[in-house]
Amino acid sequence: MPILTKPAMAARLILQDDHYRRVADLCFRHLQGTFEHFTARQQHEWIRGVSNSDPEYGRKRYLDALTDREHHQSEEYSHAIASVLFAHIWLLSAANYYRLSCKHKTPYDAPWLSTKPIKGTSSPALIAKELRLHALVIQQAEILHDMRNTIAHLVEDDRKTALMKDLDFPTAFRLVEAVWTIYIALLRYYGVHADTGSWAIQTKRYGLPRKTP
C-alpha cells in the first residue's frame, strides 16, 4: 500500500522568493517611469492657466505643449497603474512566502522558521495591522487595496474602490512608500533586518526622490 506524503515545498518556495523580488523590482521600475513623466509633465502645466480668450490659446506653442502634456500624463498614469498593482502583488507574495516557509519548515537555515507566521496575508492592511504599524500606514494600505480593486474592476461608486483620477506620481509614490514600510516591518518580524536607511538606498537606486514632491 503506497504511503501518502505531502509534496516537497522547497523548490516552490524558492520560486516564490524569486517571484516577489522580481515583482518588487517591476514596481520600482514603473514608479521610476511614473516620476520621469510626472517631471516632464510639469514643464507644460503653464497651459492650464491659459484661457480661451488669451492670445496664446490655440497657437502652435500652446498646441505643442498640450500634445506633450497629454502624452506625459498618459504615460504617468499607465506607469502608476502598473506600479500600484505590482506593489500590491509584491507585498502579498512576500508575506505568503514567509508564512509558507514557517508552515512547511523548509530545510534552509533561516531565522523565521521558528517564528509564528502572520496569518492575515490577504490584503496589505491586514498585514500592517498584524504588524501593529502606525494608523497612517494602515490607511495607505487600505487605499492601495481599494486602488487595486478599482484598477481590476473599474468600479468607482463602491466603498471598497477609489477614484482613478487621483492616480498620479505623488499618489503612487505614497502607496509604494507605505508598502516598503510594511515590507521592512515584515522582514523584521521574521528576524531579517534590512540596512539602515533602506528607503533612501532604494529610492536612490531607481532615481526617485526620498519624499513625495
C-alpha atoms as a PDB file:
ATOM      1  CA  MET A   1       0.000   0.000   0.000  1.00  0.00           C
ATOM      2  CA  PRO A   2       1.533   3.372  -1.013  1.00  0.00           C
ATOM      3  CA  ILE A   3       2.487   5.832   1.728  1.00  0.00           C
ATOM      4  CA  LEU A   4       0.834   9.223   1.280  1.00  0.00           C
ATOM      5  CA  THR A   5       3.208  12.116   1.841  1.00  0.00           C
ATOM      6  CA  LYS A   6       2.985  15.857   1.388  1.00  0.00           C
ATOM      7  CA  PRO A   7       4.696  17.171  -1.756  1.00  0.00           C
ATOM      8  CA  ALA A   8       8.039  18.874  -1.210  1.00  0.00           C
ATOM      9  CA  MET A   9       7.565  22.632  -0.990  1.00  0.00           C
ATOM     10  CA  ALA A  10      11.213  23.739  -1.015  1.00  0.00           C
ATOM     11  CA  ALA A  11      11.523  24.211  -4.785  1.00  0.00           C
ATOM     12  CA  ARG A  12       8.212  26.058  -4.988  1.00  0.00           C
ATOM     13  CA  LEU A  13       9.171  28.386  -2.161  1.00  0.00           C
ATOM     14  CA  ILE A  14      12.440  29.238  -3.881  1.00  0.00           C
ATOM     15  CA  LEU A  15      10.361  30.286  -6.898  1.00  0.00           C
ATOM     16  CA  GLN A  16       8.057  32.307  -4.633  1.00  0.00           C
ATOM     17  CA  ASP A  17      11.055  34.081  -3.088  1.00  0.00           C
ATOM     18  CA  ASP A  18      12.429  34.920  -6.537  1.00  0.00           C
ATOM     19  CA  HIS A  19       8.976  35.983  -7.739  1.00  0.00           C
ATOM     20  CA  TYR A  20       8.271  38.608  -5.087  1.00  0.00           C
ATOM     21  CA  ARG A  21      11.743  40.116  -5.502  1.00  0.00           C
ATOM     22  CA  ARG A  22      11.239  40.394  -9.263  1.00  0.00           C
ATOM     23  CA  VAL A  23       7.804  41.925  -8.785  1.00  0.00           C
ATOM     24  CA  ALA A  24       9.241  44.459  -6.323  1.00  0.00           C
ATOM     25  CA  ASP A  25      11.766  45.450  -8.990  1.00  0.00           C
ATOM     26  CA  LEU A  26       8.949  45.835 -11.547  1.00  0.00           C
ATOM     27  CA  CYS A  27       7.060  48.021  -9.078  1.00  0.00           C
ATOM     28  CA  PHE A  28      10.003  50.392  -8.659  1.00  0.00           C
ATOM     29  CA  ARG A  29      10.884  50.464 -12.348  1.00  0.00           C
ATOM     30  CA  HIS A  30       7.348  51.550 -13.163  1.00  0.00           C
ATOM     31  CA  LEU A  31       7.416  54.064 -10.319  1.00  0.00           C
ATOM     32  CA  GLN A  32      10.603  55.417 -11.873  1.00  0.00           C
ATOM     33  CA  GLY A  33       8.758  55.775 -15.197  1.00  0.00           C
ATOM     34  CA  THR A  34       5.879  57.474 -13.398  1.00  0.00           C
ATOM     35  CA  PHE A  35       8.280  60.001 -11.892  1.00  0.00           C
ATOM     36  CA  GLU A  36      10.023  60.724 -15.199  1.00  0.00           C
ATOM     37  CA  HIS A  37       6.743  61.506 -16.954  1.00  0.00           C
ATOM     38  CA  PHE A  38       5.421  63.439 -13.961  1.00  0.00           C
ATOM     39  CA  THR A  39       8.538  65.622 -14.077  1.00  0.00           C
ATOM     40  CA  ALA A  40       8.216  66.111 -17.832  1.00  0.00           C
ATOM     41  CA  ARG A  41       4.526  66.983 -17.498  1.00  0.00           C
ATOM     42  CA  GLN A  42       5.287  69.762 -15.017  1.00  0.00           C
ATOM     43  CA  GLN A  43       7.085  71.700 -17.765  1.00  0.00           C
ATOM     44  CA  HIS A  44       3.792  72.060 -19.640  1.00  0.00           C
ATOM     45  CA  GLU A  45       1.442  72.836 -16.762  1.00  0.00           C
ATOM     46  CA  TRP A  46       1.508  76.519 -17.742  1.00  0.00           C
ATOM     47  CA  ILE A  47      -1.163  75.835 -20.367  1.00  0.00           C
ATOM     48  CA  ARG A  48      -3.723  75.251 -17.610  1.00  0.00           C
ATOM     49  CA  GLY A  49      -3.575  78.965 -16.862  1.00  0.00           C
ATOM     50  CA  VAL A  50      -4.312  79.944 -20.467  1.00  0.00           C
ATOM     51  CA  SER A  51      -7.980  80.821 -21.013  1.00  0.00           C
ATOM     52  CA  ASN A  52      -9.685  80.614 -24.402  1.00  0.00           C
ATOM     53  CA  SER A  53      -9.637  84.413 -24.540  1.00  0.00           C
ATOM     54  CA  ASP A  54      -5.838  84.503 -24.169  1.00  0.00           C
ATOM     55  CA  PRO A  55      -3.894  85.339 -27.382  1.00  0.00           C
ATOM     56  CA  GLU A  56      -1.684  82.319 -26.626  1.00  0.00           C
ATOM     57  CA  TYR A  57      -4.649  79.950 -26.756  1.00  0.00           C
ATOM     58  CA  GLY A  58      -4.715  77.697 -29.836  1.00  0.00           C
ATOM     59  CA  ARG A  59      -1.365  78.856 -31.195  1.00  0.00           C
ATOM     60  CA  LYS A  60       1.467  76.485 -32.108  1.00  0.00           C
ATOM     61  CA  ARG A  61       3.356  76.847 -28.815  1.00  0.00           C
ATOM     62  CA  TYR A  62       0.164  76.155 -26.896  1.00  0.00           C
ATOM     63  CA  LEU A  63      -0.835  73.162 -29.043  1.00  0.00           C
ATOM     64  CA  ASP A  64       2.656  71.647 -28.888  1.00  0.00           C
ATOM     65  CA  ALA A  65       2.639  71.964 -25.103  1.00  0.00           C
ATOM     66  CA  LEU A  66      -0.853  70.490 -24.952  1.00  0.00           C
ATOM     67  CA  THR A  67       0.235  67.466 -27.011  1.00  0.00           C
ATOM     68  CA  ASP A  68       3.326  66.899 -24.893  1.00  0.00           C
ATOM     69  CA  ARG A  69       1.409  67.319 -21.642  1.00  0.00           C
ATOM     70  CA  GLU A  70      -1.255  64.811 -22.674  1.00  0.00           C
ATOM     71  CA  HIS A  71       1.446  62.329 -23.730  1.00  0.00           C
ATOM     72  CA  HIS A  72       3.314  62.558 -20.412  1.00  0.00           C
ATOM     73  CA  GLN A  73       0.084  62.498 -18.404  1.00  0.00           C
ATOM     74  CA  SER A  74      -0.991  59.310 -20.183  1.00  0.00           C
ATOM     75  CA  GLU A  75       2.390  57.657 -19.618  1.00  0.00           C
ATOM     76  CA  GLU A  76       2.448  58.772 -15.984  1.00  0.00           C
ATOM     77  CA  TYR A  77      -0.994  57.238 -15.491  1.00  0.00           C
ATOM     78  CA  SER A  78      -0.018  53.966 -17.205  1.00  0.00           C
ATOM     79  CA  HIS A  79       3.164  53.543 -15.163  1.00  0.00           C
ATOM     80  CA  ALA A  80       1.316  54.483 -11.953  1.00  0.00           C
ATOM     81  CA  ILE A  81      -1.266  51.751 -12.567  1.00  0.00           C
ATOM     82  CA  ALA A  82       1.468  49.161 -13.084  1.00  0.00           C
ATOM     83  CA  SER A  83       3.431  50.345 -10.046  1.00  0.00           C
ATOM     84  CA  VAL A  84       0.393  50.138  -7.753  1.00  0.00           C
ATOM     85  CA  LEU A  85      -0.600  46.680  -8.997  1.00  0.00           C
ATOM     86  CA  PHE A  86       2.927  45.314  -8.642  1.00  0.00           C
ATOM     87  CA  ALA A  87       3.268  46.850  -5.160  1.00  0.00           C
ATOM     88  CA  HIS A  88       0.136  45.014  -4.051  1.00  0.00           C
ATOM     89  CA  ILE A  89       1.316  41.699  -5.553  1.00  0.00           C
ATOM     90  CA  TRP A  90       4.848  42.078  -4.186  1.00  0.00           C
ATOM     91  CA  LEU A  91       3.752  42.599  -0.579  1.00  0.00           C
ATOM     92  CA  LEU A  92       1.225  39.751  -0.530  1.00  0.00           C
ATOM     93  CA  SER A  93       3.675  37.431  -2.268  1.00  0.00           C
ATOM     94  CA  ALA A  94       6.424  38.240   0.246  1.00  0.00           C
ATOM     95  CA  ALA A  95       4.065  37.770   3.204  1.00  0.00           C
ATOM     96  CA  ASN A  96       2.919  34.413   1.869  1.00  0.00           C
ATOM     97  CA  TYR A  97       6.489  33.319   1.153  1.00  0.00           C
ATOM     98  CA  TYR A  98       7.432  33.717   4.816  1.00  0.00           C
ATOM     99  CA  ARG A  99       4.133  32.247   6.015  1.00  0.00           C
ATOM    100  CA  LEU A 100       4.583  29.127   3.867  1.00  0.00           C
ATOM    101  CA  SER A 101       8.234  28.832   4.865  1.00  0.00           C
ATOM    102  CA  CYS A 102       7.165  28.603   8.508  1.00  0.00           C
ATOM    103  CA  LYS A 103       4.298  26.255   7.726  1.00  0.00           C
ATOM    104  CA  HIS A 104       6.294  23.762   5.680  1.00  0.00           C
ATOM    105  CA  LYS A 105       9.571  24.067   7.585  1.00  0.00           C
ATOM    106  CA  THR A 106      11.872  24.215   4.596  1.00  0.00           C
ATOM    107  CA  PRO A 107      15.370  22.853   5.216  1.00  0.00           C
ATOM    108  CA  TYR A 108      17.128  26.197   4.809  1.00  0.00           C
ATOM    109  CA  ASP A 109      18.910  27.803   7.717  1.00  0.00           C
ATOM    110  CA  ALA A 110      16.546  30.746   8.175  1.00  0.00           C
ATOM    111  CA  PRO A 111      15.603  32.640  11.361  1.00  0.00           C
ATOM    112  CA  TRP A 112      11.899  32.843  10.503  1.00  0.00           C
ATOM    113  CA  LEU A 113      11.269  29.082  10.664  1.00  0.00           C
ATOM    114  CA  SER A 114      10.745  29.183  14.428  1.00  0.00           C
ATOM    115  CA  THR A 115       8.516  32.287  14.265  1.00  0.00           C
ATOM    116  CA  LYS A 116       4.728  32.127  14.456  1.00  0.00           C
ATOM    117  CA  PRO A 117       3.638  33.151  10.948  1.00  0.00           C
ATOM    118  CA  ILE A 118       1.348  36.061  10.202  1.00  0.00           C
ATOM    119  CA  LYS A 119      -1.999  34.641   9.107  1.00  0.00           C
ATOM    120  CA  GLY A 120      -3.737  37.704   7.690  1.00  0.00           C
ATOM    121  CA  THR A 121      -1.986  37.940   4.335  1.00  0.00           C
ATOM    122  CA  SER A 122      -4.945  38.592   2.031  1.00  0.00           C
ATOM    123  CA  SER A 123      -4.574  42.377   1.984  1.00  0.00           C
ATOM    124  CA  PRO A 124      -1.863  44.974   2.751  1.00  0.00           C
ATOM    125  CA  ALA A 125      -3.960  46.472   5.564  1.00  0.00           C
ATOM    126  CA  LEU A 126      -4.345  43.124   7.347  1.00  0.00           C
ATOM    127  CA  ILE A 127      -0.584  42.620   7.227  1.00  0.00           C
ATOM    128  CA  ALA A 128       0.023  46.139   8.539  1.00  0.00           C
ATOM    129  CA  LYS A 129      -2.486  45.602  11.364  1.00  0.00           C
ATOM    130  CA  GLU A 130      -0.906  42.311  12.433  1.00  0.00           C
ATOM    131  CA  LEU A 131       2.457  44.068  12.499  1.00  0.00           C
ATOM    132  CA  ARG A 132       0.866  46.844  14.605  1.00  0.00           C
ATOM    133  CA  LEU A 133       2.048  49.629  12.359  1.00  0.00           C
ATOM    134  CA  HIS A 134       1.036  53.287  12.537  1.00  0.00           C
ATOM    135  CA  ALA A 135      -2.556  54.166  11.628  1.00  0.00           C
ATOM    136  CA  LEU A 136      -1.374  56.304   8.699  1.00  0.00           C
ATOM    137  CA  VAL A 137       0.452  53.319   7.193  1.00  0.00           C
ATOM    138  CA  ILE A 138      -2.669  51.175   7.616  1.00  0.00           C
ATOM    139  CA  GLN A 139      -4.729  53.904   5.954  1.00  0.00           C
ATOM    140  CA  GLN A 140      -2.387  53.974   2.945  1.00  0.00           C
ATOM    141  CA  ALA A 141      -2.530  50.165   2.825  1.00  0.00           C
ATOM    142  CA  GLU A 142      -6.326  50.342   2.649  1.00  0.00           C
ATOM    143  CA  ILE A 143      -6.153  52.932  -0.129  1.00  0.00           C
ATOM    144  CA  LEU A 144      -3.742  50.672  -2.011  1.00  0.00           C
ATOM    145  CA  HIS A 145      -6.183  47.757  -1.766  1.00  0.00           C
ATOM    146  CA  ASP A 146      -9.069  49.962  -2.888  1.00  0.00           C
ATOM    147  CA  MET A 147      -6.978  51.258  -5.783  1.00  0.00           C
ATOM    148  CA  ARG A 148      -6.121  47.704  -6.788  1.00  0.00           C
ATOM    149  CA  ASN A 149      -9.850  46.834  -6.755  1.00  0.00           C
ATOM    150  CA  THR A 150     -10.647  49.870  -8.888  1.00  0.00           C
ATOM    151  CA  ILE A 151      -7.953  49.040 -11.449  1.00  0.00           C
ATOM    152  CA  ALA A 152      -9.105  45.424 -11.638  1.00  0.00           C
ATOM    153  CA  HIS A 153     -12.863  46.077 -11.750  1.00  0.00           C
ATOM    154  CA  LEU A 154     -13.246  49.704 -12.919  1.00  0.00           C
ATOM    155  CA  VAL A 155     -15.955  50.477 -10.373  1.00  0.00           C
ATOM    156  CA  GLU A 156     -15.813  53.831  -8.622  1.00  0.00           C
ATOM    157  CA  ASP A 157     -19.109  54.011  -6.712  1.00  0.00           C
ATOM    158  CA  ASP A 158     -18.338  51.241  -4.239  1.00  0.00           C
ATOM    159  CA  ARG A 159     -16.890  51.986  -0.795  1.00  0.00           C
ATOM    160  CA  LYS A 160     -14.071  49.500  -1.445  1.00  0.00           C
ATOM    161  CA  THR A 161     -12.833  51.242  -4.584  1.00  0.00           C
ATOM    162  CA  ALA A 162     -11.006  54.518  -5.245  1.00  0.00           C
ATOM    163  CA  LEU A 163     -11.182  57.296  -7.800  1.00  0.00           C
ATOM    164  CA  MET A 164      -8.901  56.604 -10.760  1.00  0.00           C
ATOM    165  CA  LYS A 165      -8.455  60.318 -11.450  1.00  0.00           C
ATOM    166  CA  ASP A 166      -6.399  60.539  -8.242  1.00  0.00           C
ATOM    167  CA  LEU A 167      -3.761  58.126  -9.548  1.00  0.00           C
ATOM    168  CA  ASP A 168      -0.632  60.118 -10.420  1.00  0.00           C
ATOM    169  CA  PHE A 169       3.008  60.021  -9.311  1.00  0.00           C
ATOM    170  CA  PRO A 170       2.531  61.541  -5.830  1.00  0.00           C
ATOM    171  CA  THR A 171      -0.307  59.102  -5.120  1.00  0.00           C
ATOM    172  CA  ALA A 172       1.603  56.069  -6.416  1.00  0.00           C
ATOM    173  CA  PHE A 173       4.717  57.169  -4.521  1.00  0.00           C
ATOM    174  CA  ARG A 174       2.846  57.385  -1.194  1.00  0.00           C
ATOM    175  CA  LEU A 175       1.334  53.932  -1.716  1.00  0.00           C
ATOM    176  CA  VAL A 176       4.652  52.307  -2.645  1.00  0.00           C
ATOM    177  CA  GLU A 177       6.371  54.011   0.297  1.00  0.00           C
ATOM    178  CA  ALA A 178       3.713  52.551   2.610  1.00  0.00           C
ATOM    179  CA  VAL A 179       4.279  49.097   1.114  1.00  0.00           C
ATOM    180  CA  TRP A 180       8.014  49.481   1.709  1.00  0.00           C
ATOM    181  CA  THR A 181       7.347  50.361   5.352  1.00  0.00           C
ATOM    182  CA  ILE A 182       5.142  47.275   5.749  1.00  0.00           C
ATOM    183  CA  TYR A 183       7.657  45.090   3.916  1.00  0.00           C
ATOM    184  CA  ILE A 184      10.579  46.157   6.143  1.00  0.00           C
ATOM    185  CA  ALA A 185       8.427  45.578   9.231  1.00  0.00           C
ATOM    186  CA  LEU A 186       7.514  42.148   7.841  1.00  0.00           C
ATOM    187  CA  LEU A 187      11.175  41.266   7.406  1.00  0.00           C
ATOM    188  CA  ARG A 188      11.941  42.478  10.928  1.00  0.00           C
ATOM    189  CA  TYR A 189       9.096  40.369  12.315  1.00  0.00           C
ATOM    190  CA  TYR A 190      10.681  37.263  10.818  1.00  0.00           C
ATOM    191  CA  GLY A 191      14.134  38.194  12.086  1.00  0.00           C
ATOM    192  CA  VAL A 192      15.516  39.569   8.809  1.00  0.00           C
ATOM    193  CA  HIS A 193      16.936  43.063   9.267  1.00  0.00           C
ATOM    194  CA  ALA A 194      17.331  45.447   6.346  1.00  0.00           C
ATOM    195  CA  ASP A 195      20.122  48.011   6.041  1.00  0.00           C
ATOM    196  CA  THR A 196      19.725  51.243   7.975  1.00  0.00           C
ATOM    197  CA  GLY A 197      18.185  53.870   5.710  1.00  0.00           C
ATOM    198  CA  SER A 198      16.837  51.218   3.336  1.00  0.00           C
ATOM    199  CA  TRP A 199      14.230  53.566   1.813  1.00  0.00           C
ATOM    200  CA  ALA A 200      16.891  56.142   0.907  1.00  0.00           C
ATOM    201  CA  ILE A 201      19.027  53.368  -0.627  1.00  0.00           C
ATOM    202  CA  GLN A 202      16.078  52.016  -2.611  1.00  0.00           C
ATOM    203  CA  THR A 203      14.872  55.361  -3.956  1.00  0.00           C
ATOM    204  CA  LYS A 204      18.390  56.389  -4.942  1.00  0.00           C
ATOM    205  CA  ARG A 205      18.836  53.125  -6.830  1.00  0.00           C
ATOM    206  CA  TYR A 206      15.844  53.963  -9.048  1.00  0.00           C
ATOM    207  CA  GLY A 207      16.439  57.697  -9.329  1.00  0.00           C
ATOM    208  CA  LEU A 208      13.435  58.599  -7.191  1.00  0.00           C
ATOM    209  CA  PRO A 209      13.018  61.387  -4.640  1.00  0.00           C
ATOM    210  CA  ARG A 210      13.054  60.345  -0.992  1.00  0.00           C
ATOM    211  CA  LYS A 211       9.874  62.294  -0.288  1.00  0.00           C
ATOM    212  CA  THR A 212       6.697  62.961  -2.244  1.00  0.00           C
ATOM    213  CA  PRO A 213       7.073  66.139  -4.333  1.00  0.00           C
END
